[in-house]
C-alpha atoms as a PDB file:
ATOM      1  CA  MET A   1       0.000   0.000   0.000  1.00  0.00           C
ATOM      2  CA  ALA A   2       1.465   3.373  -1.007  1.00  0.00           C
ATOM      3  CA  SER A   3       2.220   5.801   1.808  1.00  0.00           C
ATOM      4  CA  ARG A   4       0.154   8.936   1.983  1.00  0.00           C
ATOM      5  CA  PRO A   5       1.603  11.894   0.080  1.00  0.00           C
ATOM      6  CA  GLU A   6       3.419  14.731   1.796  1.00  0.00           C
ATOM      7  CA  LEU A   7       2.424  18.316   1.149  1.00  0.00           C
ATOM      8  CA  ILE A   8       4.701  21.041  -0.154  1.00  0.00           C
ATOM      9  CA  LEU A   9       3.335  24.574   0.122  1.00  0.00           C
ATOM     10  CA  ALA A  10       4.985  26.682  -2.568  1.00  0.00           C
ATOM     11  CA  SER A  11       4.815  29.892  -0.575  1.00  0.00           C
ATOM     12  CA  ALA A  12       6.544  31.889   2.140  1.00  0.00           C
ATOM     13  CA  SER A  13       3.289  33.679   2.983  1.00  0.00           C
ATOM     14  CA  PRO A  14       2.395  33.397   6.678  1.00  0.00           C
ATOM     15  CA  ARG A  15      -1.211  34.095   5.692  1.00  0.00           C
ATOM     16  CA  ARG A  16      -1.443  31.043   3.437  1.00  0.00           C
ATOM     17  CA  LEU A  17       0.168  28.836   6.067  1.00  0.00           C
ATOM     18  CA  ALA A  18      -2.221  30.165   8.722  1.00  0.00           C
ATOM     19  CA  LEU A  19      -5.198  29.434   6.476  1.00  0.00           C
ATOM     20  CA  LEU A  20      -4.053  25.834   5.968  1.00  0.00           C
ATOM     21  CA  ASN A  21      -3.512  25.488   9.716  1.00  0.00           C
ATOM     22  CA  GLN A  22      -7.034  26.823  10.246  1.00  0.00           C
ATOM     23  CA  ILE A  23      -8.462  23.707   8.588  1.00  0.00           C
ATOM     24  CA  GLY A  24      -6.077  21.355  10.370  1.00  0.00           C
ATOM     25  CA  ILE A  25      -3.412  21.051   7.661  1.00  0.00           C
ATOM     26  CA  ASP A  26       0.278  21.441   8.458  1.00  0.00           C
ATOM     27  CA  PRO A  27       2.442  21.091   5.325  1.00  0.00           C
ATOM     28  CA  GLU A  28       5.499  18.889   5.623  1.00  0.00           C
ATOM     29  CA  HIS A  29       7.542  21.379   3.589  1.00  0.00           C
ATOM     30  CA  LEU A  30       7.464  25.119   2.919  1.00  0.00           C
ATOM     31  CA  LEU A  31       9.199  25.882  -0.344  1.00  0.00           C
ATOM     32  CA  PRO A  32       8.832  29.485  -1.548  1.00  0.00           C
ATOM     33  CA  ALA A  33       8.780  29.818  -5.320  1.00  0.00           C
ATOM     34  CA  HIS A  34      10.078  33.212  -6.365  1.00  0.00           C
ATOM     35  CA  VAL A  35       8.948  33.886  -9.934  1.00  0.00           C
ATOM     36  CA  ASP A  36       8.583  36.875 -12.230  1.00  0.00           C
ATOM     37  CA  GLU A  37       5.032  38.078 -11.597  1.00  0.00           C
ATOM     38  CA  THR A  38       4.961  40.577 -14.453  1.00  0.00           C
ATOM     39  CA  ALA A  39       1.848  40.283 -16.601  1.00  0.00           C
ATOM     40  CA  GLU A  40       2.386  39.411 -20.229  1.00  0.00           C
ATOM     41  CA  LYS A  41       1.267  41.908 -22.859  1.00  0.00           C
ATOM     42  CA  GLY A  42      -2.520  41.952 -22.995  1.00  0.00           C
ATOM     43  CA  GLU A  43      -2.835  39.294 -20.278  1.00  0.00           C
ATOM     44  CA  LEU A  44      -6.137  39.423 -18.419  1.00  0.00           C
ATOM     45  CA  PRO A  45      -6.216  39.342 -14.590  1.00  0.00           C
ATOM     46  CA  ARG A  46      -7.772  35.868 -14.360  1.00  0.00           C
ATOM     47  CA  LYS A  47      -5.219  34.441 -16.792  1.00  0.00           C
ATOM     48  CA  LEU A  48      -2.362  35.978 -14.821  1.00  0.00           C
ATOM     49  CA  ALA A  49      -3.560  34.496 -11.510  1.00  0.00           C
ATOM     50  CA  ALA A  50      -3.896  31.031 -13.058  1.00  0.00           C
ATOM     51  CA  ARG A  51      -0.559  31.200 -14.870  1.00  0.00           C
ATOM     52  CA  LEU A  52       1.387  32.352 -11.823  1.00  0.00           C
ATOM     53  CA  ALA A  53      -0.130  29.678  -9.592  1.00  0.00           C
ATOM     54  CA  ASP A  54       0.925  27.073 -12.155  1.00  0.00           C
ATOM     55  CA  LEU A  55       4.410  28.563 -12.488  1.00  0.00           C
ATOM     56  CA  LYS A  56       4.911  28.668  -8.726  1.00  0.00           C
ATOM     57  CA  ALA A  57       3.849  25.039  -8.357  1.00  0.00           C
ATOM     58  CA  ARG A  58       6.190  23.868 -11.135  1.00  0.00           C
ATOM     59  CA  THR A  59       9.071  25.918  -9.733  1.00  0.00           C
ATOM     60  CA  ALA A  60       8.628  24.496  -6.236  1.00  0.00           C
ATOM     61  CA  GLN A  61       8.381  20.939  -7.547  1.00  0.00           C
ATOM     62  CA  HIS A  62      11.610  21.416  -9.510  1.00  0.00           C
ATOM     63  CA  LYS A  63      13.388  22.831  -6.445  1.00  0.00           C
ATOM     64  CA  ALA A  64      12.222  19.914  -4.321  1.00  0.00           C
ATOM     65  CA  ARG A  65      13.408  17.337  -6.822  1.00  0.00           C
ATOM     66  CA  GLN A  66      16.781  19.087  -7.109  1.00  0.00           C
ATOM     67  CA  ALA A  67      17.093  18.996  -3.329  1.00  0.00           C
ATOM     68  CA  GLY A  68      16.351  15.273  -3.314  1.00  0.00           C
ATOM     69  CA  PHE A  69      12.863  15.167  -1.824  1.00  0.00           C
ATOM     70  CA  GLY A  70       9.252  15.449  -2.865  1.00  0.00           C
ATOM     71  CA  THR A  71       8.950  12.339  -5.041  1.00  0.00           C
ATOM     72  CA  ASN A  72       5.786  11.428  -3.122  1.00  0.00           C
ATOM     73  CA  ALA A  73       4.561  14.967  -2.521  1.00  0.00           C
ATOM     74  CA  LEU A  74       1.632  17.090  -3.533  1.00  0.00           C
ATOM     75  CA  VAL A  75       2.744  20.605  -4.449  1.00  0.00           C
ATOM     76  CA  LEU A  76       0.257  23.379  -3.690  1.00  0.00           C
ATOM     77  CA  ALA A  77       0.600  26.927  -4.997  1.00  0.00           C
ATOM     78  CA  ALA A  78      -1.641  29.974  -5.191  1.00  0.00           C
ATOM     79  CA  ASP A  79      -1.529  33.484  -6.564  1.00  0.00           C
ATOM     80  CA  THR A  80      -3.838  36.421  -5.976  1.00  0.00           C
ATOM     81  CA  VAL A  81      -4.482  39.244  -8.433  1.00  0.00           C
ATOM     82  CA  VAL A  82      -6.526  42.375  -7.729  1.00  0.00           C
ATOM     83  CA  ALA A  83      -8.110  44.119 -10.695  1.00  0.00           C
ATOM     84  CA  VAL A  84     -10.344  47.070 -11.520  1.00  0.00           C
ATOM     85  CA  GLY A  85     -11.905  46.108 -14.815  1.00  0.00           C
ATOM     86  CA  ARG A  86      -9.062  44.796 -16.980  1.00  0.00           C
ATOM     87  CA  ARG A  87      -6.479  46.807 -15.069  1.00  0.00           C
ATOM     88  CA  ILE A  88      -4.202  44.722 -12.848  1.00  0.00           C
ATOM     89  CA  LEU A  89      -3.213  46.470  -9.639  1.00  0.00           C
ATOM     90  CA  PRO A  90       0.377  45.979  -8.448  1.00  0.00           C
ATOM     91  CA  LYS A  91       1.726  44.583  -5.227  1.00  0.00           C
ATOM     92  CA  ALA A  92       2.363  47.969  -3.683  1.00  0.00           C
ATOM     93  CA  GLU A  93       6.022  48.542  -2.871  1.00  0.00           C
ATOM     94  CA  THR A  94       5.990  52.332  -2.568  1.00  0.00           C
ATOM     95  CA  MET A  95       3.618  54.782  -0.959  1.00  0.00           C
ATOM     96  CA  GLU A  96       2.919  56.227  -4.410  1.00  0.00           C
ATOM     97  CA  GLU A  97       1.774  52.820  -5.699  1.00  0.00           C
ATOM     98  CA  ALA A  98      -0.350  52.264  -2.598  1.00  0.00           C
ATOM     99  CA  SER A  99      -1.927  55.711  -2.936  1.00  0.00           C
ATOM    100  CA  SER A 100      -2.735  55.046  -6.601  1.00  0.00           C
ATOM    101  CA  CYS A 101      -4.387  51.731  -5.671  1.00  0.00           C
ATOM    102  CA  LEU A 102      -6.484  53.345  -2.937  1.00  0.00           C
ATOM    103  CA  ASN A 103      -7.685  56.077  -5.285  1.00  0.00           C
ATOM    104  CA  LEU A 104      -8.720  53.460  -7.844  1.00  0.00           C
ATOM    105  CA  LEU A 105     -10.504  51.298  -5.268  1.00  0.00           C
ATOM    106  CA  SER A 106     -12.238  54.088  -3.358  1.00  0.00           C
ATOM    107  CA  GLY A 107     -16.005  53.959  -3.822  1.00  0.00           C
ATOM    108  CA  ARG A 108     -15.762  51.305  -6.539  1.00  0.00           C
ATOM    109  CA  ALA A 109     -16.185  47.603  -7.053  1.00  0.00           C
ATOM    110  CA  HIS A 110     -13.190  45.467  -7.943  1.00  0.00           C
ATOM    111  CA  ARG A 111     -12.392  41.791  -8.373  1.00  0.00           C
ATOM    112  CA  VAL A 112      -9.895  39.506  -6.728  1.00  0.00           C
ATOM    113  CA  PHE A 113      -8.796  36.446  -8.698  1.00  0.00           C
ATOM    114  CA  THR A 114      -7.052  33.647  -6.847  1.00  0.00           C
ATOM    115  CA  GLY A 115      -5.454  30.909  -8.913  1.00  0.00           C
ATOM    116  CA  LEU A 116      -4.793  27.542  -7.313  1.00  0.00           C
ATOM    117  CA  THR A 117      -2.617  24.732  -8.683  1.00  0.00           C
ATOM    118  CA  LEU A 118      -1.959  21.297  -7.221  1.00  0.00           C
ATOM    119  CA  ILE A 119       0.648  18.992  -8.779  1.00  0.00           C
ATOM    120  CA  THR A 120       0.365  15.329  -7.833  1.00  0.00           C
ATOM    121  CA  PRO A 121       3.305  12.940  -7.324  1.00  0.00           C
ATOM    122  CA  SER A 122       2.600  11.512 -10.797  1.00  0.00           C
ATOM    123  CA  GLY A 123       2.859  14.980 -12.335  1.00  0.00           C
ATOM    124  CA  GLN A 124      -0.836  15.584 -12.958  1.00  0.00           C
ATOM    125  CA  LYS A 125      -2.110  19.116 -12.418  1.00  0.00           C
ATOM    126  CA  ARG A 126      -5.336  20.250 -10.836  1.00  0.00           C
ATOM    127  CA  HIS A 127      -6.441  23.853 -11.299  1.00  0.00           C
ATOM    128  CA  ARG A 128      -9.017  26.130  -9.724  1.00  0.00           C
ATOM    129  CA  LEU A 129      -9.703  29.821 -10.188  1.00  0.00           C
ATOM    130  CA  VAL A 130     -11.777  31.676  -7.618  1.00  0.00           C
ATOM    131  CA  GLU A 131     -13.287  35.103  -8.318  1.00  0.00           C
ATOM    132  CA  THR A 132     -14.427  37.371  -5.494  1.00  0.00           C
ATOM    133  CA  ARG A 133     -16.131  40.731  -5.942  1.00  0.00           C
ATOM    134  CA  ILE A 134     -15.541  43.488  -3.411  1.00  0.00           C
ATOM    135  CA  ARG A 135     -16.795  47.043  -3.081  1.00  0.00           C
ATOM    136  CA  PHE A 136     -14.944  49.648  -1.030  1.00  0.00           C
ATOM    137  CA  LYS A 137     -16.562  52.621   0.647  1.00  0.00           C
ATOM    138  CA  ARG A 138     -15.614  56.056  -0.631  1.00  0.00           C
ATOM    139  CA  LEU A 139     -12.475  56.870   1.298  1.00  0.00           C
ATOM    140  CA  SER A 140     -11.888  60.271   2.808  1.00  0.00           C
ATOM    141  CA  THR A 141      -8.537  62.017   2.545  1.00  0.00           C
ATOM    142  CA  ARG A 142      -8.026  61.433   6.266  1.00  0.00           C
ATOM    143  CA  GLU A 143      -8.699  57.704   5.926  1.00  0.00           C
ATOM    144  CA  MET A 144      -6.298  57.384   3.021  1.00  0.00           C
ATOM    145  CA  GLU A 145      -3.550  59.296   4.796  1.00  0.00           C
ATOM    146  CA  ALA A 146      -3.946  57.257   7.976  1.00  0.00           C
ATOM    147  CA  TYR A 147      -3.938  53.976   6.075  1.00  0.00           C
ATOM    148  CA  LEU A 148      -0.855  54.929   4.070  1.00  0.00           C
ATOM    149  CA  ALA A 149       0.904  55.883   7.303  1.00  0.00           C
ATOM    150  CA  SER A 150       0.212  52.418   8.700  1.00  0.00           C
ATOM    151  CA  ALA A 151       2.390  50.816   5.966  1.00  0.00           C
ATOM    152  CA  GLU A 152       0.067  47.798   6.048  1.00  0.00           C
ATOM    153  CA  TRP A 153      -0.201  48.117   2.261  1.00  0.00           C
ATOM    154  CA  ARG A 154       3.398  47.106   1.664  1.00  0.00           C
ATOM    155  CA  ASP A 155       3.797  44.094  -0.678  1.00  0.00           C
ATOM    156  CA  LYS A 156       0.030  43.546  -0.775  1.00  0.00           C
ATOM    157  CA  ALA A 157      -1.801  42.980  -4.052  1.00  0.00           C
ATOM    158  CA  GLY A 158      -3.902  46.057  -4.687  1.00  0.00           C
ATOM    159  CA  GLY A 159      -2.259  47.770  -1.730  1.00  0.00           C
ATOM    160  CA  TYR A 160      -4.429  46.204   0.952  1.00  0.00           C
ATOM    161  CA  ALA A 161      -5.035  43.138   3.095  1.00  0.00           C
ATOM    162  CA  ILE A 162      -8.688  42.414   3.792  1.00  0.00           C
ATOM    163  CA  GLN A 163      -7.833  40.731   7.113  1.00  0.00           C
ATOM    164  CA  GLY A 164      -6.211  43.948   8.343  1.00  0.00           C
ATOM    165  CA  ILE A 165      -7.177  47.580   8.689  1.00  0.00           C
ATOM    166  CA  ALA A 166      -8.603  47.696   5.168  1.00  0.00           C
ATOM    167  CA  GLY A 167     -11.359  45.335   6.273  1.00  0.00           C
ATOM    168  CA  ALA A 168     -13.066  48.509   7.531  1.00  0.00           C
ATOM    169  CA  PHE A 169     -13.273  49.762   3.945  1.00  0.00           C
ATOM    170  CA  VAL A 170     -15.282  46.804   2.625  1.00  0.00           C
ATOM    171  CA  VAL A 171     -18.940  47.615   2.036  1.00  0.00           C
ATOM    172  CA  LYS A 172     -19.833  44.392   0.226  1.00  0.00           C
ATOM    173  CA  MET A 173     -18.154  41.143  -0.727  1.00  0.00           C
ATOM    174  CA  THR A 174     -19.458  38.330  -2.932  1.00  0.00           C
ATOM    175  CA  GLY A 175     -17.333  35.206  -2.992  1.00  0.00           C
ATOM    176  CA  SER A 176     -14.585  33.687  -0.865  1.00  0.00           C
ATOM    177  CA  TYR A 177     -13.063  35.662   2.003  1.00  0.00           C
ATOM    178  CA  SER A 178     -10.213  33.165   2.400  1.00  0.00           C
ATOM    179  CA  ALA A 179      -9.403  33.478  -1.312  1.00  0.00           C
ATOM    180  CA  VAL A 180      -8.927  37.220  -0.880  1.00  0.00           C
ATOM    181  CA  VAL A 181      -6.630  36.579   2.085  1.00  0.00           C
ATOM    182  CA  GLY A 182      -4.617  34.265  -0.163  1.00  0.00           C
ATOM    183  CA  LEU A 183      -5.976  30.712  -0.271  1.00  0.00           C
ATOM    184  CA  PRO A 184      -9.536  29.557  -1.047  1.00  0.00           C
ATOM    185  CA  LEU A 185     -10.137  26.967   1.676  1.00  0.00           C
ATOM    186  CA  HIS A 186     -13.088  25.143   0.136  1.00  0.00           C
ATOM    187  CA  GLU A 187     -11.303  24.544  -3.149  1.00  0.00           C
ATOM    188  CA  THR A 188      -7.995  23.726  -1.444  1.00  0.00           C
ATOM    189  CA  ALA A 189      -9.513  21.105   0.834  1.00  0.00           C
ATOM    190  CA  ALA A 190     -11.409  19.543  -2.074  1.00  0.00           C
ATOM    191  CA  LEU A 191      -8.299  19.314  -4.266  1.00  0.00           C
ATOM    192  CA  LEU A 192      -6.163  17.809  -1.511  1.00  0.00           C
ATOM    193  CA  ALA A 193      -8.786  15.288  -0.409  1.00  0.00           C
ATOM    194  CA  GLY A 194      -9.383  14.282  -4.019  1.00  0.00           C
ATOM    195  CA  ASP A 195      -5.733  13.296  -4.358  1.00  0.00           C
ATOM    196  CA  GLY A 196      -5.366  11.320  -1.176  1.00  0.00           C
ATOM    197  CA  TYR A 197      -4.155  13.883   1.335  1.00  0.00           C
ATOM    198  CA  PRO A 198      -5.728  13.208   4.780  1.00  0.00           C
ATOM    199  CA  VAL A 199      -7.469  16.554   5.136  1.00  0.00           C
ATOM    200  CA  HIS A 200      -9.754  15.332   7.926  1.00  0.00           C
ATOM    201  CA  PHE A 201      -7.168  13.432   9.981  1.00  0.00           C
ATOM    202  CA  ASN A 202      -6.426  16.272  12.392  1.00  0.00           C
ATOM    203  CA  TRP A 203     -10.112  17.070  12.695  1.00  0.00           C
ATOM    204  CA  LEU A 204     -10.626  13.663  14.275  1.00  0.00           C
ATOM    205  CA  ASN A 205      -7.670  14.179  16.604  1.00  0.00           C
ATOM    206  CA  GLN A 206      -8.970  17.585  17.634  1.00  0.00           C
ATOM    207  CA  SER A 207     -12.348  16.076  18.411  1.00  0.00           C
ATOM    208  CA  SER A 208     -10.822  13.509  20.774  1.00  0.00           C
ATOM    209  CA  LEU A 209      -8.698  16.179  22.511  1.00  0.00           C
ATOM    210  CA  THR A 210     -11.631  18.514  23.153  1.00  0.00           C
ATOM    211  CA  GLY A 211     -14.020  15.750  24.135  1.00  0.00           C
ATOM    212  CA  VAL A 212     -16.526  16.642  21.447  1.00  0.00           C
END
């Protein structure tokens, strides 16, 4: 009988790891996949999210094999893209970029696309793309200045993190909250369970520990 697969999370994001931990999953390996996230000419936001998730998964699998492990591992990768219409918002690295993002998002609806790729030990790929729609309130100058001063926008797609201060800006959301944070939990659990990863194992252990 084949041993159960290990899990490689192709990310250094503490948010993605925390989301996996939330549903009782603790990856055996964390293997960040640093890739060029520049959109190709004319590339749509949903295509970019899917392509980068695939590229991250393939990069992490290659790194694992080079390091001599991961032959019986599932490789999980995700990428999140924030867009207003067809316009892809950057991961804000400067206050100017963050300010531009806030001005675009203020009082408007936007979409967050989260691509998800799982590579199985046999090399098969499973893909999911989750779209979430969000509307921000109209931000006052004071709110924008205070948020920019917080520096919470740094290295965040679209210049914000919904689980942080910017959660106060959200008027309406349709879709997956966890996908906006960085990892759609429903789709992730379904993909992993479908390929033999014991998603529910720790749930049973937790039940026995709490006496439920």
